[in-house]
Amino acid sequence: MKLLFDHNLSPRLVDQLADIYPNSQHLFLIGLDQADDRIVWEYAQQGKFTVVTRDADFNELSILRGFPPKVIWIRRGNCSTKQIVEILRSHL
């Protein structure tokens, strides 16, 4: 599985999780951090990514459009990048 990290998450996640989620990307690193959610959705769908976000927007798109792509919605309050790494590693 390869992940596409939303702009509300750290770009460092790509490198920190590369061993278990190779070929993952971050919207900032591919120049889509200012793109509309629908464009990001299509990019994720075409690239066979799973979207990782802290916003409800992609969950709502998933309800409206179905999947793919799948969405991982991190619904924790303020948490560090390290904690997000731990969450994603523990739920591999």
Protein backbone atom coordinates (compact mmCIF):
# COMPACT_ATOMS: atom_id res chain seq x y z
CA MET A 1 0.00 0.00 0.00
CA LYS A 2 1.22 3.49 -0.77
CA LEU A 3 -0.05 6.52 1.09
CA LEU A 4 -0.79 10.05 -0.03
CA PHE A 5 -0.45 12.42 2.92
CA ASP A 6 -2.70 15.47 3.03
CA HIS A 7 -1.27 18.97 3.50
CA ASN A 8 -2.30 18.94 7.19
CA LEU A 9 0.30 16.26 7.94
CA SER A 10 4.06 16.55 7.95
CA PRO A 11 5.97 15.81 4.73
CA ARG A 12 8.50 14.00 6.94
CA LEU A 13 6.05 11.10 7.18
CA VAL A 14 7.04 9.98 3.69
CA ASP A 15 10.62 9.22 4.77
CA GLN A 16 9.71 8.04 8.27
CA LEU A 17 7.35 5.39 6.90
CA ALA A 18 9.15 4.51 3.66
CA ASP A 19 10.20 1.10 4.97
CA ILE A 20 6.61 -0.11 5.33
CA TYR A 21 4.78 2.22 2.93
CA PRO A 22 7.16 2.56 -0.04
CA ASN A 23 6.38 4.97 -2.87
CA SER A 24 4.17 7.12 -0.63
CA GLN A 25 3.88 10.85 -1.34
CA HIS A 26 2.93 14.09 0.35
CA LEU A 27 0.84 16.73 -1.40
CA PHE A 28 3.45 19.40 -0.71
CA LEU A 29 6.25 17.34 -2.25
CA ILE A 30 4.32 16.81 -5.49
CA GLY A 31 2.98 20.36 -5.75
CA LEU A 32 -0.65 19.59 -4.91
CA ASP A 33 -0.79 21.13 -1.44
CA GLN A 34 -3.00 24.00 -2.71
CA ALA A 35 -5.09 21.81 -5.02
CA ASP A 36 -8.82 21.32 -4.65
CA ASP A 37 -9.78 18.11 -2.80
CA ARG A 38 -11.41 16.68 -5.94
CA ILE A 39 -8.15 17.01 -7.89
CA VAL A 40 -6.29 15.31 -5.05
CA TRP A 41 -8.98 12.60 -5.00
CA GLU A 42 -8.49 11.93 -8.72
CA TYR A 43 -4.70 11.91 -8.34
CA ALA A 44 -4.98 9.38 -5.51
CA GLN A 45 -7.42 7.27 -7.49
CA GLN A 46 -5.25 7.20 -10.62
CA GLY A 47 -2.07 6.55 -8.64
CA LYS A 48 -3.67 3.87 -6.45
CA PHE A 49 -2.88 5.76 -3.24
CA THR A 50 -4.65 5.62 0.10
CA VAL A 51 -5.28 9.17 1.33
CA VAL A 52 -4.16 9.95 4.88
CA THR A 53 -5.71 13.07 6.40
CA ARG A 54 -6.82 14.78 9.57
CA ASP A 55 -9.79 16.48 7.88
CA ALA A 56 -13.30 15.19 7.33
CA ASP A 57 -13.26 16.39 3.70
CA PHE A 58 -11.88 13.19 2.19
CA ASN A 59 -14.15 11.05 4.32
CA GLU A 60 -17.10 12.99 2.92
CA LEU A 61 -15.80 12.53 -0.63
CA SER A 62 -15.50 8.82 0.07
CA ILE A 63 -19.16 8.71 1.10
CA LEU A 64 -20.21 10.63 -2.02
CA ARG A 65 -17.95 8.96 -4.58
CA GLY A 66 -17.15 5.58 -3.06
CA PHE A 67 -13.69 4.15 -3.35
CA PRO A 68 -11.00 3.87 -4.55
CA PRO A 69 -9.16 5.61 -3.11
CA LYS A 70 -9.46 4.49 0.45
CA VAL A 71 -9.14 7.11 3.19
CA ILE A 72 -7.38 6.93 6.53
CA TRP A 73 -8.88 9.67 8.66
CA ILE A 74 -6.74 10.37 11.73
CA ARG A 75 -9.20 11.67 14.28
CA ARG A 76 -6.88 12.29 17.18
CA GLY A 77 -6.60 15.74 18.70
CA ASN A 78 -3.29 17.51 18.63
CA CYS A 79 -0.69 14.84 18.20
CA SER A 80 2.88 14.85 17.03
CA THR A 81 4.29 13.45 13.82
CA LYS A 82 5.92 10.76 15.95
CA GLN A 83 2.50 9.71 17.26
CA ILE A 84 1.11 9.56 13.73
CA VAL A 85 4.03 7.35 12.72
CA GLU A 86 3.23 5.07 15.66
CA ILE A 87 -0.46 4.93 14.70
CA LEU A 88 0.29 4.03 11.08
CA ARG A 89 2.91 1.47 12.04
CA SER A 90 0.66 -0.22 14.57
CA HIS A 91 -2.19 -0.51 12.07
CA LEU A 92 -0.18 -1.78 9.12
